[in-house]
Protein backbone atom coordinates (compact mmCIF):
# COMPACT_ATOMS: atom_id res chain seq x y z
CA UNK A 1 0.00 0.00 0.00
CA UNK A 2 2.83 2.35 0.83
CA UNK A 3 4.48 1.71 -2.53
CA UNK A 4 1.15 2.24 -4.30
CA UNK A 5 0.64 5.55 -2.52
CA UNK A 6 4.18 6.55 -3.37
CA UNK A 7 3.61 5.66 -7.01
CA UNK A 8 0.45 7.76 -7.16
CA UNK A 9 2.22 10.66 -5.49
CA UNK A 10 5.03 10.39 -8.02
CA UNK A 11 2.53 10.54 -10.85
CA UNK A 12 0.82 13.56 -9.38
CA UNK A 13 4.20 15.24 -8.88
CA UNK A 14 5.15 14.51 -12.44
CA UNK A 15 1.89 15.98 -13.71
CA UNK A 16 2.40 19.10 -11.60
CA UNK A 17 6.06 19.63 -12.56
CA UNK A 18 5.78 19.59 -16.35
CA UNK A 19 3.64 22.53 -17.48
CA UNK A 20 0.78 22.49 -19.94
CA UNK A 21 -1.37 19.56 -18.83
CA UNK A 22 -4.73 21.32 -18.68
CA UNK A 23 -4.07 23.44 -21.75
CA UNK A 24 -2.86 20.64 -24.01
CA UNK A 25 -5.47 18.15 -22.82
CA UNK A 26 -8.22 20.75 -23.26
CA UNK A 27 -7.09 21.59 -26.81
CA UNK A 28 -6.78 17.88 -27.66
CA UNK A 29 -10.28 17.03 -26.47
CA UNK A 30 -11.78 20.17 -28.05
CA UNK A 31 -10.22 19.58 -31.49
CA UNK A 32 -11.01 15.86 -31.41
CA UNK A 33 -14.62 16.61 -30.49
CA UNK A 34 -15.20 19.43 -33.01
CA UNK A 35 -13.42 17.85 -35.98
CA UNK A 36 -14.16 14.14 -35.47
CA UNK A 37 -16.53 13.06 -32.70
CA UNK A 38 -19.35 15.62 -33.02
CA UNK A 39 -19.69 15.19 -36.81
CA UNK A 40 -19.78 11.40 -36.33
CA UNK A 41 -22.48 11.80 -33.69
CA UNK A 42 -24.61 13.43 -36.40
CA UNK A 43 -24.58 10.09 -38.23
CA UNK A 44 -25.84 8.39 -35.06
CA UNK A 45 -28.51 11.07 -34.68
CA UNK A 46 -29.89 10.63 -38.19
CA UNK A 47 -29.81 6.83 -37.92
CA UNK A 48 -31.88 6.99 -34.75
CA UNK A 49 -34.59 9.04 -36.44
CA UNK A 50 -35.66 5.72 -37.94
CA UNK A 51 -37.88 3.36 -36.02
CA UNK A 52 -36.33 -0.03 -35.19
CA UNK A 53 -38.30 -1.57 -38.04
CA UNK A 54 -37.18 1.08 -40.54
CA UNK A 55 -33.59 0.75 -39.36
CA UNK A 56 -33.61 -3.02 -39.81
CA UNK A 57 -35.26 -2.66 -43.23
CA UNK A 58 -32.63 -0.13 -44.34
CA UNK A 59 -29.64 -2.30 -43.36
CA UNK A 60 -31.14 -5.66 -44.42
CA UNK A 61 -32.25 -4.66 -47.89
CA UNK A 62 -31.11 -7.34 -50.36
CA UNK A 63 -28.75 -5.00 -52.22
CA UNK A 64 -27.32 -3.68 -48.96
CA UNK A 65 -26.78 -7.17 -47.53
CA UNK A 66 -25.03 -8.21 -50.75
CA UNK A 67 -22.84 -5.11 -50.48
CA UNK A 68 -21.91 -5.97 -46.88
CA UNK A 69 -21.08 -9.54 -47.91
CA UNK A 70 -18.96 -8.32 -50.82
CA UNK A 71 -17.20 -5.69 -48.71
CA UNK A 72 -16.40 -7.93 -45.75
CA UNK A 73 -15.52 -10.97 -47.85
CA UNK A 74 -13.22 -9.16 -50.29
CA UNK A 75 -11.59 -7.14 -47.50
CA UNK A 76 -10.88 -10.32 -45.51
CA UNK A 77 -9.40 -12.13 -48.53
CA UNK A 78 -7.26 -9.10 -49.42
CA UNK A 79 -6.04 -8.78 -45.83
CA UNK A 80 -5.03 -12.46 -45.80
CA UNK A 81 -3.15 -12.04 -49.08
CA UNK A 82 -1.42 -9.02 -47.61
CA UNK A 83 -0.45 -10.99 -44.51
CA UNK A 84 1.32 -13.61 -46.63
CA UNK A 85 3.14 -11.21 -48.94
CA UNK A 86 3.58 -8.58 -46.22
CA UNK A 87 5.52 -11.03 -44.05
CA UNK A 88 7.60 -12.10 -47.07
CA UNK A 89 8.39 -8.49 -47.97
CA UNK A 90 9.21 -7.60 -44.36
CA UNK A 91 11.54 -10.62 -44.21
CA UNK A 92 13.27 -9.71 -47.50
CA UNK A 93 13.74 -6.07 -46.48
CA UNK A 94 14.96 -6.97 -42.99
CA UNK A 95 17.11 -10.04 -43.53
CA UNK A 96 18.62 -9.66 -47.00
CA UNK A 97 21.02 -7.13 -48.45
CA UNK A 98 20.56 -6.29 -52.13
CA UNK A 99 20.98 -3.27 -54.42
CA UNK A 100 18.39 -0.50 -54.11
CA UNK A 101 16.96 -1.96 -50.91
CA UNK A 102 16.18 1.53 -49.58
CA UNK A 103 14.28 2.36 -52.79
CA UNK A 104 12.30 -0.86 -52.55
CA UNK A 105 11.55 -0.11 -48.90
CA UNK A 106 10.31 3.36 -49.87
CA UNK A 107 7.97 1.88 -52.50
CA UNK A 108 6.09 0.03 -49.77
CA UNK A 109 4.40 3.27 -48.78
CA UNK A 110 3.37 4.20 -52.33
CA UNK A 111 -0.29 3.25 -51.62
CA UNK A 112 -0.26 5.73 -48.70
CA UNK A 113 0.81 8.53 -51.02
CA UNK A 114 -0.87 7.52 -54.29
CA UNK A 115 -4.44 8.86 -54.54
CA UNK A 116 -7.04 6.11 -54.37
CA UNK A 117 -8.86 7.44 -57.44
CA UNK A 118 -5.63 7.23 -59.45
CA UNK A 119 -5.03 3.70 -58.18
CA UNK A 120 -8.58 2.71 -59.11
CA UNK A 121 -8.57 3.92 -62.71
CA UNK A 122 -5.06 2.55 -63.25
CA UNK A 123 -5.85 -0.92 -61.90
CA UNK A 124 -9.15 -1.10 -63.80
CA UNK A 125 -7.29 -0.38 -67.07
CA UNK A 126 -4.37 -2.70 -66.30
CA UNK A 127 -6.61 -5.66 -65.50
CA UNK A 128 -9.23 -5.11 -68.21
CA UNK A 129 -9.37 -7.91 -70.82
CA UNK A 130 -7.34 -5.72 -73.20
CA UNK A 131 -5.11 -4.24 -70.49
CA UNK A 132 -1.39 -4.79 -70.04
CA UNK A 133 -1.94 -7.50 -67.40
CA UNK A 134 -5.53 -8.53 -68.11
CA UNK A 135 -4.74 -9.56 -71.70
CA UNK A 136 -2.56 -12.38 -70.36
CA UNK A 137 -5.20 -13.52 -67.87
CA UNK A 138 -8.16 -13.44 -70.27
CA UNK A 139 -7.09 -16.52 -72.30
CA UNK A 140 -6.92 -18.42 -69.02
CA UNK A 141 -10.52 -17.51 -68.29
CA UNK A 142 -9.54 -15.14 -65.49
CA UNK A 143 -11.43 -11.84 -65.43
CA UNK A 144 -10.34 -9.21 -62.92
CA UNK A 145 -11.83 -5.82 -63.72
CA UNK A 146 -15.52 -5.46 -62.78
CA UNK A 147 -15.50 -8.64 -60.66
CA UNK A 148 -14.97 -9.58 -57.03
CA UNK A 149 -11.40 -10.48 -57.90
CA UNK A 150 -10.89 -6.89 -59.06
CA UNK A 151 -12.09 -5.60 -55.69
CA UNK A 152 -9.59 -7.91 -53.95
CA UNK A 153 -6.77 -6.64 -56.20
CA UNK A 154 -7.60 -3.01 -55.35
CA UNK A 155 -7.76 -3.77 -51.63
CA UNK A 156 -4.47 -5.66 -51.75
CA UNK A 157 -2.90 -2.58 -53.34
CA UNK A 158 -4.08 -0.17 -50.67
CA UNK A 159 -3.55 -2.58 -47.74
CA UNK A 160 -0.05 -3.98 -48.21
CA UNK A 161 1.81 -1.17 -46.34
CA UNK A 162 -0.14 -1.84 -43.14
CA UNK A 163 1.16 -5.39 -42.80
CA UNK A 164 4.74 -4.68 -43.88
CA UNK A 165 5.10 -1.68 -41.58
CA UNK A 166 3.57 -3.59 -38.65
CA UNK A 167 5.83 -6.65 -39.02
CA UNK A 168 9.08 -5.04 -40.20
CA UNK A 169 10.18 -3.30 -36.96
CA UNK A 170 9.36 -6.35 -34.82
CA UNK A 171 11.29 -8.63 -37.16
CA UNK A 172 14.23 -6.21 -37.17
CA UNK A 173 14.25 -6.12 -33.38
CA UNK A 174 14.27 -9.88 -32.77
CA UNK A 175 17.40 -11.21 -31.10
CA UNK A 176 19.11 -13.52 -33.65
CA UNK A 177 20.61 -15.42 -30.72
CA UNK A 178 17.36 -17.37 -30.29
CA UNK A 179 17.46 -18.49 -33.91
CA UNK A 180 21.11 -19.43 -33.64
CA UNK A 181 20.35 -21.49 -30.53
CA UNK A 182 17.54 -23.28 -32.35
CA UNK A 183 19.86 -24.12 -35.26
CA UNK A 184 22.53 -25.40 -32.87
CA UNK A 185 19.94 -27.67 -31.26
CA UNK A 186 19.17 -29.13 -34.67
CA UNK A 187 15.94 -27.32 -35.57
CA UNK A 188 15.29 -26.89 -39.28
CA UNK A 189 14.75 -23.43 -40.75
CA UNK A 190 11.02 -24.12 -41.08
CA UNK A 191 10.73 -25.31 -37.48
CA UNK A 192 12.75 -22.33 -36.25
CA UNK A 193 10.41 -19.96 -38.08
CA UNK A 194 7.19 -21.53 -36.83
CA UNK A 195 8.35 -22.21 -33.26
CA UNK A 196 10.66 -19.26 -32.55
CA UNK A 197 10.00 -16.38 -34.94
CA UNK A 198 6.29 -16.64 -35.76
CA UNK A 199 5.09 -16.47 -32.11
CA UNK A 200 6.96 -13.17 -31.71
CA UNK A 201 5.54 -11.82 -34.97
CA UNK A 202 1.94 -12.90 -34.32
CA UNK A 203 0.79 -9.69 -32.53
CA UNK A 204 2.30 -7.55 -35.30
CA UNK A 205 0.74 -9.77 -37.98
CA UNK A 206 -2.67 -9.52 -36.30
CA UNK A 207 -2.28 -5.75 -36.05
CA UNK A 208 -1.37 -5.48 -39.74
CA UNK A 209 -4.24 -7.78 -40.69
CA UNK A 210 -6.68 -5.71 -38.64
CA UNK A 211 -5.50 -2.42 -40.12
CA UNK A 212 -5.62 -3.78 -43.69
CA UNK A 213 -9.07 -5.23 -43.03
CA UNK A 214 -10.37 -1.96 -41.55
CA UNK A 215 -8.99 0.05 -44.47
CA UNK A 216 -10.47 -2.42 -46.97
CA UNK A 217 -13.93 -2.34 -45.40
CA UNK A 218 -14.07 1.45 -45.71
CA UNK A 219 -12.33 1.84 -49.08
CA UNK A 220 -14.14 3.77 -51.80
CA UNK A 221 -11.90 5.53 -54.31
CA UNK A 222 -9.85 2.63 -55.63
CA UNK A 223 -12.74 0.14 -55.57
CA UNK A 224 -15.51 1.94 -57.45
CA UNK A 225 -13.58 1.95 -60.75
CA UNK A 226 -12.51 -1.69 -60.80
CA UNK A 227 -15.62 -3.17 -59.16
CA UNK A 228 -18.16 -2.35 -61.85
CA UNK A 229 -20.70 -1.47 -59.12
CA UNK A 230 -23.31 -3.90 -60.43
CA UNK A 231 -26.11 -4.91 -58.08
CA UNK A 232 -26.87 -7.85 -60.37
CA UNK A 233 -23.31 -9.15 -60.24
CA UNK A 234 -22.98 -8.31 -56.55
CA UNK A 235 -19.94 -6.07 -57.01
CA UNK A 236 -21.25 -3.07 -55.10
CA UNK A 237 -19.46 -2.22 -51.84
CA UNK A 238 -21.02 -0.59 -48.80
CA UNK A 239 -19.31 2.77 -49.34
CA UNK A 240 -20.79 2.91 -52.83
CA UNK A 241 -24.29 2.16 -51.45
CA UNK A 242 -23.92 5.02 -48.95
CA UNK A 243 -22.81 7.41 -51.68
CA UNK A 244 -25.75 6.35 -53.83
CA UNK A 245 -28.10 7.26 -50.99
CA UNK A 246 -26.58 10.76 -50.91
CA UNK A 247 -26.63 11.45 -54.66
CA UNK A 248 -29.43 13.07 -56.55
CA UNK A 249 -32.47 15.10 -55.56
CA UNK A 250 -33.98 12.16 -53.65
CA UNK A 251 -31.14 11.79 -51.17
CA UNK A 252 -32.04 9.41 -48.36
CA UNK A 253 -29.95 10.65 -45.45
CA UNK A 254 -31.60 8.45 -42.84
CA UNK A 255 -30.96 5.19 -44.71
CA UNK A 256 -27.40 6.31 -45.55
CA UNK A 257 -26.82 7.04 -41.87
CA UNK A 258 -28.25 3.67 -40.81
CA UNK A 259 -25.90 1.78 -43.15
CA UNK A 260 -23.00 4.01 -42.11
CA UNK A 261 -23.77 3.31 -38.44
CA UNK A 262 -23.36 -0.44 -38.99
CA UNK A 263 -20.08 0.21 -40.79
CA UNK A 264 -18.98 2.50 -37.96
CA UNK A 265 -19.68 -0.19 -35.35
CA UNK A 266 -17.61 -2.69 -37.33
CA UNK A 267 -14.79 -0.16 -37.63
CA UNK A 268 -14.87 0.68 -33.90
CA UNK A 269 -14.74 -3.01 -32.96
CA UNK A 270 -11.72 -3.51 -35.23
CA UNK A 271 -10.04 -0.38 -33.88
CA UNK A 272 -10.40 -1.40 -30.24
CA UNK A 273 -9.27 -4.96 -31.09
CA UNK A 274 -6.16 -3.60 -32.83
CA UNK A 275 -5.32 -1.36 -29.89
CA UNK A 276 -5.84 -4.25 -27.45
CA UNK A 277 -3.45 -6.41 -29.49
CA UNK A 278 -0.86 -3.63 -29.59
CA UNK A 279 -1.16 -3.05 -25.83
CA UNK A 280 -0.76 -6.75 -25.09
CA UNK A 281 2.19 -7.00 -27.47
CA UNK A 282 3.93 -4.03 -25.82
CA UNK A 283 3.73 -5.84 -22.47
CA UNK A 284 4.74 -9.23 -23.84
CA UNK A 285 7.46 -8.57 -26.39
CA UNK A 286 10.67 -6.92 -25.30
CA UNK A 287 12.61 -6.54 -28.52
CA UNK A 288 15.93 -4.88 -29.01
CA UNK A 289 16.37 -1.15 -29.07
CA UNK A 290 17.04 0.56 -32.38
CA UNK A 291 20.71 0.71 -31.57
CA UNK A 292 20.81 -3.00 -30.67
CA UNK A 293 18.95 -3.91 -33.83
CA UNK A 294 21.40 -1.91 -35.88
CA UNK A 295 24.32 -3.56 -34.12
CA UNK A 296 22.99 -7.05 -34.78
CA UNK A 297 22.07 -6.26 -38.38
CA UNK A 298 25.67 -6.73 -39.37
CA UNK A 299 25.59 -10.23 -37.86
CA UNK A 300 22.62 -11.21 -39.98
CA UNK A 301 24.04 -12.45 -43.24
CA UNK A 302 22.56 -14.18 -46.18
CA UNK A 303 23.99 -17.39 -44.78
CA UNK A 304 21.15 -17.44 -42.27
CA UNK A 305 18.90 -18.73 -45.01
CA UNK A 306 19.78 -21.05 -47.85
CA UNK A 307 20.42 -19.60 -51.25
CA UNK A 308 17.41 -21.39 -52.70
CA UNK A 309 15.09 -20.05 -50.00
CA UNK A 310 16.48 -16.58 -50.45
CA UNK A 311 15.90 -16.75 -54.20
CA UNK A 312 12.31 -17.91 -53.72
CA UNK A 313 11.48 -15.23 -51.17
CA UNK A 314 13.15 -12.50 -53.24
CA UNK A 315 11.22 -13.55 -56.36
CA UNK A 316 7.92 -13.74 -54.47
CA UNK A 317 8.39 -10.48 -52.57
CA UNK A 318 9.88 -8.32 -55.30
CA UNK A 319 7.65 -9.89 -57.96
CA UNK A 320 4.60 -9.01 -55.89
CA UNK A 321 5.92 -5.47 -55.48
CA UNK A 322 6.55 -5.20 -59.22
CA UNK A 323 3.08 -6.35 -60.24
CA UNK A 324 1.09 -4.57 -57.52
CA UNK A 325 2.98 -1.28 -57.17
CA UNK A 326 5.61 -0.59 -59.83
CA UNK A 327 3.64 -1.53 -62.97
CA UNK A 328 0.60 0.60 -61.95
CA UNK A 329 2.92 3.53 -61.23
CA UNK A 330 4.65 3.27 -64.62
CA UNK A 331 1.30 2.69 -66.35
CA UNK A 332 -0.02 6.07 -65.18
CA UNK A 333 2.97 7.90 -66.63
CA UNK A 334 2.85 5.97 -69.93
CA UNK A 335 -0.88 6.54 -70.41
CA UNK A 336 -0.50 10.21 -69.48
CA UNK A 337 1.77 10.69 -72.50
CA UNK A 338 -0.39 8.55 -74.78
CA UNK A 339 -1.17 11.50 -77.10
CA UNK A 340 2.15 13.30 -76.83
CA UNK A 341 3.63 16.12 -74.79
CA UNK A 342 1.45 18.81 -76.36
CA UNK A 343 -1.79 17.11 -75.31
CA UNK A 344 -0.27 16.36 -71.89
CA UNK A 345 0.60 20.00 -71.20
CA UNK A 346 -2.80 21.11 -72.50
CA UNK A 347 -4.59 18.62 -70.22
CA UNK A 348 -2.86 19.66 -67.01
CA UNK A 349 -3.23 23.40 -67.70
CA UNK A 350 -6.96 23.57 -68.42
CA UNK A 351 -9.04 25.97 -66.36
CA UNK A 352 -10.65 23.09 -64.46
CA UNK A 353 -7.32 21.39 -63.75
CA UNK A 354 -5.73 24.61 -62.46
CA UNK A 355 -8.78 25.30 -60.28
CA UNK A 356 -8.65 21.74 -58.91
CA UNK A 357 -4.95 22.15 -58.13
CA UNK A 358 -5.63 25.41 -56.29
CA UNK A 359 -8.43 23.85 -54.19
CA UNK A 360 -6.20 20.86 -53.43
CA UNK A 361 -3.39 23.15 -52.32
CA UNK A 362 -5.70 25.10 -50.02
CA UNK A 363 -7.04 21.90 -48.47
CA UNK A 364 -3.57 20.40 -48.09
CA UNK A 365 -2.00 23.50 -46.51
CA UNK A 366 -4.83 24.09 -44.02
CA UNK A 367 -5.16 20.40 -43.11
CA UNK A 368 -1.42 20.05 -42.61
CA UNK A 369 -1.20 23.16 -40.42
CA UNK A 370 -4.19 22.13 -38.28
CA UNK A 371 -3.08 18.52 -37.90
CA UNK A 372 0.54 19.46 -37.18
CA UNK A 373 -0.65 21.73 -34.36
CA UNK A 374 -2.98 19.00 -33.10
CA UNK A 375 -0.26 16.36 -33.38
CA UNK A 376 2.19 18.35 -31.26
CA UNK A 377 -0.36 19.33 -28.62
CA UNK A 378 -1.98 15.90 -28.37
CA UNK A 379 1.37 14.10 -28.23
CA UNK A 380 2.47 16.36 -25.37
CA UNK A 381 -0.73 15.65 -23.43
CA UNK A 382 -0.64 11.89 -24.08
CA UNK A 383 3.06 11.30 -23.34
CA UNK A 384 4.07 13.79 -20.64
CA UNK A 385 1.24 13.09 -18.22
CA UNK A 386 -0.74 10.22 -16.72
CA UNK A 387 -4.49 10.58 -16.37
CA UNK A 388 -7.67 8.55 -16.37
CA UNK A 389 -9.02 7.76 -19.82
CA UNK A 390 -5.63 8.19 -21.46
CA UNK A 391 -5.80 4.93 -23.42
CA UNK A 392 -9.37 5.65 -24.52
CA UNK A 393 -8.36 9.11 -25.74
CA UNK A 394 -5.41 7.62 -27.65
CA UNK A 395 -7.78 5.14 -29.31
CA UNK A 396 -10.26 7.87 -30.24
CA UNK A 397 -7.52 9.80 -32.04
CA UNK A 398 -7.17 6.80 -34.39
CA UNK A 399 -10.84 6.84 -35.47
CA UNK A 400 -10.24 8.43 -38.92
CA UNK A 401 -7.77 5.61 -39.69
CA UNK A 402 -10.43 2.94 -39.36
CA UNK A 403 -13.59 4.40 -40.88
CA UNK A 404 -14.58 4.92 -44.48
CA UNK A 405 -13.82 8.39 -45.90
CA UNK A 406 -17.35 8.30 -47.31
CA UNK A 407 -18.68 8.24 -43.74
CA UNK A 408 -16.55 11.31 -43.00
CA UNK A 409 -18.20 13.13 -45.90
CA UNK A 410 -21.61 11.91 -44.79
CA UNK A 411 -20.93 13.14 -41.23
CA UNK A 412 -20.26 16.70 -42.40
CA UNK A 413 -23.33 16.63 -44.68
CA UNK A 414 -25.40 15.50 -41.69
CA UNK A 415 -23.90 18.28 -39.56
CA UNK A 416 -23.82 21.26 -41.94
CA UNK A 417 -26.17 20.21 -44.75
CA UNK A 418 -29.62 21.46 -45.60
CA UNK A 419 -31.18 19.59 -42.66
CA UNK A 420 -28.06 19.50 -40.47
CA UNK A 421 -28.35 20.48 -36.83
CA UNK A 422 -25.46 22.99 -37.13
CA UNK A 423 -26.92 24.77 -40.17
CA UNK A 424 -28.87 27.36 -38.07
CA UNK A 425 -25.74 28.10 -36.05
CA UNK A 426 -23.69 28.72 -39.20
CA UNK A 427 -26.40 30.95 -40.66
CA UNK A 428 -26.66 32.93 -37.41
CA UNK A 429 -22.88 33.46 -37.36
CA UNK A 430 -22.96 34.50 -41.02
CA UNK A 431 -25.70 36.98 -40.22
CA UNK A 432 -23.72 38.56 -37.39
CA UNK A 433 -20.46 38.72 -39.36
CA UNK A 434 -22.02 39.58 -42.70
CA UNK A 435 -20.40 36.56 -44.37
CA UNK A 436 -21.71 33.62 -46.38
CA UNK A 437 -19.52 30.72 -45.23
CA UNK A 438 -20.88 27.29 -46.15
CA UNK A 439 -19.50 23.85 -45.31
CA UNK A 440 -21.33 21.67 -47.83
CA UNK A 441 -20.54 21.81 -51.55
CA UNK A 442 -17.91 24.44 -50.81
CA UNK A 443 -14.17 24.80 -50.31
CA UNK A 444 -14.48 25.02 -46.48
CA UNK A 445 -16.28 21.69 -46.55
CA UNK A 446 -13.50 20.16 -48.64
CA UNK A 447 -10.97 21.51 -46.14
CA UNK A 448 -12.89 20.03 -43.19
CA UNK A 449 -13.13 16.63 -44.89
CA UNK A 450 -9.40 16.68 -45.63
CA UNK A 451 -8.59 17.59 -42.02
CA UNK A 452 -10.75 14.68 -40.84
CA UNK A 453 -9.11 11.95 -42.95
CA UNK A 454 -5.56 13.17 -42.18
CA UNK A 455 -6.24 13.90 -38.51
CA UNK A 456 -4.10 11.13 -36.90
CA UNK A 457 -1.06 11.15 -39.22
CA UNK A 458 1.20 13.59 -37.35
CA UNK A 459 0.23 12.52 -33.84
CA UNK A 460 0.73 8.85 -34.73
CA UNK A 461 4.30 9.52 -35.82
CA UNK A 462 5.10 11.56 -32.71
CA UNK A 463 3.57 9.32 -30.02
CA UNK A 464 6.00 6.37 -30.16
CA UNK A 465 9.04 8.68 -30.35
CA UNK A 466 7.94 10.80 -27.41
CA UNK A 467 6.97 7.72 -25.39
CA UNK A 468 10.37 6.13 -25.93
CA UNK A 469 12.28 9.29 -24.96
CA UNK A 470 10.50 9.79 -21.66
CA UNK A 471 10.07 13.10 -19.81
CA UNK A 472 13.01 13.34 -17.43
CA UNK A 473 14.71 16.20 -19.26
CA UNK A 474 11.47 18.19 -19.53
CA UNK A 475 10.77 17.66 -15.83
CA UNK A 476 14.28 18.82 -14.90
CA UNK A 477 13.91 21.95 -17.04
CA UNK A 478 10.52 22.69 -15.43
CA UNK A 479 12.03 22.40 -11.95
CA UNK A 480 14.65 24.93 -13.01
CA UNK A 481 11.88 27.39 -13.91
CA UNK A 482 11.65 26.99 -17.69
CA UNK A 483 8.29 27.74 -19.29
CA UNK A 484 6.36 25.25 -21.38
CA UNK A 485 7.15 26.72 -24.81
CA UNK A 486 10.82 27.06 -23.91
CA UNK A 487 10.95 23.43 -22.77
CA UNK A 488 9.30 22.27 -25.99
CA UNK A 489 11.48 24.41 -28.26
CA UNK A 490 14.80 23.70 -26.54
CA UNK A 491 14.41 20.09 -25.39
CA UNK A 492 11.49 18.24 -27.00
CA UNK A 493 11.52 19.60 -30.55
CA UNK A 494 15.14 18.69 -31.35
CA UNK A 495 14.39 15.09 -30.32
CA UNK A 496 11.19 14.74 -32.36
CA UNK A 497 11.95 16.89 -35.38
CA UNK A 498 12.49 13.99 -37.79
CA UNK A 499 9.34 12.18 -36.68
CA UNK A 500 7.47 15.49 -37.02
CA UNK A 501 8.76 16.04 -40.55
CA UNK A 502 7.90 12.44 -41.44
CA UNK A 503 4.35 12.84 -40.10
CA UNK A 504 3.91 16.08 -42.04
CA UNK A 505 5.05 14.39 -45.26
CA UNK A 506 2.54 11.55 -44.80
CA UNK A 507 -0.20 14.07 -43.96
CA UNK A 508 0.50 16.07 -47.13
CA UNK A 509 0.54 12.92 -49.28
CA UNK A 510 -2.76 11.65 -47.88
CA UNK A 511 -4.38 15.08 -48.16
CA UNK A 512 -3.50 15.45 -51.85
CA UNK A 513 -5.01 12.07 -52.65
CA UNK A 514 -8.25 12.17 -50.65
CA UNK A 515 -11.29 11.28 -52.74
CA UNK A 516 -14.17 9.65 -50.84
CA UNK A 517 -14.74 12.30 -48.16
CA UNK A 518 -14.49 15.30 -50.51
CA UNK A 519 -16.65 13.54 -53.10
CA UNK A 520 -19.63 13.90 -50.76
CA UNK A 521 -18.95 17.60 -50.13
CA UNK A 522 -17.93 18.96 -53.52
CA UNK A 523 -20.24 19.18 -56.54
CA UNK A 524 -19.08 22.25 -58.51
CA UNK A 525 -16.45 21.42 -61.11
CA UNK A 526 -14.07 24.31 -61.65
CA UNK A 527 -14.89 25.76 -58.22
CA UNK A 528 -14.76 23.16 -55.45
CA UNK A 529 -13.25 20.13 -57.20
CA UNK A 530 -9.90 18.82 -56.00
CA UNK A 531 -7.48 17.03 -58.33
CA UNK A 532 -8.87 13.53 -57.56
CA UNK A 533 -12.41 14.79 -58.32
CA UNK A 534 -11.23 16.37 -61.58
CA UNK A 535 -9.65 13.04 -62.53
CA UNK A 536 -12.95 11.29 -61.77
CA UNK A 537 -14.89 13.75 -63.94
CA UNK A 538 -12.49 13.33 -66.87
CA UNK A 539 -12.42 9.55 -66.62
CA UNK A 540 -16.21 9.22 -66.44
CA UNK A 541 -16.63 11.41 -69.53
CA UNK A 542 -15.78 8.21 -71.40
CA UNK A 543 -14.22 9.49 -74.63
CA UNK A 544 -10.57 8.59 -75.37
CA UNK A 545 -9.32 12.17 -75.10
CA UNK A 546 -10.89 12.65 -71.68
CA UNK A 547 -9.51 9.35 -70.43
CA UNK A 548 -6.01 10.28 -71.57
CA UNK A 549 -6.48 13.69 -69.92
CA UNK A 550 -7.52 11.89 -66.72
CA UNK A 551 -4.23 10.00 -66.72
CA UNK A 552 -2.36 13.23 -67.47
CA UNK A 553 -3.84 14.93 -64.40
CA UNK A 554 -3.27 11.69 -62.46
CA UNK A 555 0.41 11.86 -63.32
CA UNK A 556 0.63 15.20 -61.49
CA UNK A 557 -0.53 13.51 -58.30
CA UNK A 558 1.77 10.54 -58.93
CA UNK A 559 4.76 12.88 -59.34
CA UNK A 560 3.80 14.63 -56.08
CA UNK A 561 3.45 11.23 -54.36
CA UNK A 562 6.85 10.03 -55.57
CA UNK A 563 8.47 13.34 -54.57
CA UNK A 564 6.99 13.00 -51.08
CA UNK A 565 8.23 9.41 -50.81
CA UNK A 566 11.70 10.54 -51.82
CA UNK A 567 11.51 13.26 -49.17
CA UNK A 568 10.38 10.67 -46.63
CA UNK A 569 13.36 8.45 -47.44
CA UNK A 570 15.75 11.38 -47.20
CA UNK A 571 14.31 12.26 -43.79
CA UNK A 572 14.61 8.65 -42.63
CA UNK A 573 18.20 8.40 -43.91
CA UNK A 574 19.24 11.64 -42.22
CA UNK A 575 17.50 10.59 -39.01
CA UNK A 576 19.27 7.22 -38.97
CA UNK A 577 22.61 8.88 -39.73
CA UNK A 578 22.12 11.40 -36.90
CA UNK A 579 21.14 8.55 -34.57
CA UNK A 580 24.28 6.55 -35.37
CA UNK A 581 26.53 9.59 -34.95
CA UNK A 582 24.89 10.39 -31.61
């Protein structure tokens, strides 16, 4: 009891020594509530306007049930595929040395940076019966585009980074001494993997599977192009059904909210399961530190695995990467120049394309500034202090990771739309200020949607770094009389600057590529369209010139994505170099 009391006193002392607890926690809760939780509550509110019978009828309609079956089934299959190839890729990148390994490692995050709409139109063309890949599959009787298999391919594309990035650091941190001991005792490589390595990787694999599954269940942009969206063929996904309910003059907000509510519940269950797995893994697995991992990396040689096994894993891993990531990337650039440089330049400099670029830039800049501020403040509150509800608050910050972007768009429509509960408040404020600010079918709405989907990126990069570094230096500075901003600027910021830059890069990349959320809030081409929406409009025009123009505009986003990935790799390289020199 005495030790428990002492521990509690130490926690209270720690909270009182480091400044900024109430301020940072208040800002964190306020921003999380205003930008994420309150809009989502609007979805709950609209869903509950239905009677129980109407609610059940809305979510058990034959088309809706088929969409749920398609969504959950394809997402589960894609997540399983990603587990297999994700583990292989993580193994290849961690255990083998080969030329351009850093470049290959950087490509893993291409789906994070590549806009989902660009991925969708590219994959649908590649796997069509006359496409570069589909033409080889057609004679075998394998159809991909506009089938369930096409949905799986799209979800594999967008989900692979989750598994690789979950498994890779755990695999890199495993002590090779255990494997060496198993080999000395006569265990085969297969037995060593299944008995020694796999148990340590299981929490990370489950986390990666859960994240890939959650992302697949909510995916919209990449799926709608390759799926075909046929109710007869059963290729409609739930996000598409929700968007259908919102389109047109007969929008059915209540039914859309009911379906979205079911999807939200599924997403929340997955999110809490993922966080529970991560929490249990953090208590169970005590891997090596980054420095230890780096020190043992030199001891891991290709001799650890046979040459034949290495060749097989390299072919499987890099072949998968080539087919799923590199070929689609190159295909965009080739198709963009399909009618020559003159047509390319003309396509990317049209009035609509320039307007879309300007709107995208506004959304990206504002979202990045807001989420960088939130990331710093929230990370300070969640790592420098101990308080009740801390784990719940950390989980709530991750909500935008796990829900469909379409639901984000729906939430803002429900909040600020024609029948939204916040509409009178906005109109009253406009009346007082003499302004005409709107949040639906307007640039401010696009900005809000972009902030929502990129909300956790910066904070998620900062949290593990700030957790690992502790708070002793900040506490010492506070005891010496330093103010909060001085402590952050002089002590904390130098230690987190690379993680901060990395989070900002990921936030910018995701913001440029957002499609589903802004699709629900932007209807005026040439005024409120972002680049992904302009690509969608060009592609759906159907004529060859418009399709080529769609790929031309897509190439702009691809170039931005690649540039951001290069910047990310430079940041990582510099960070590692600084860490080794320190």
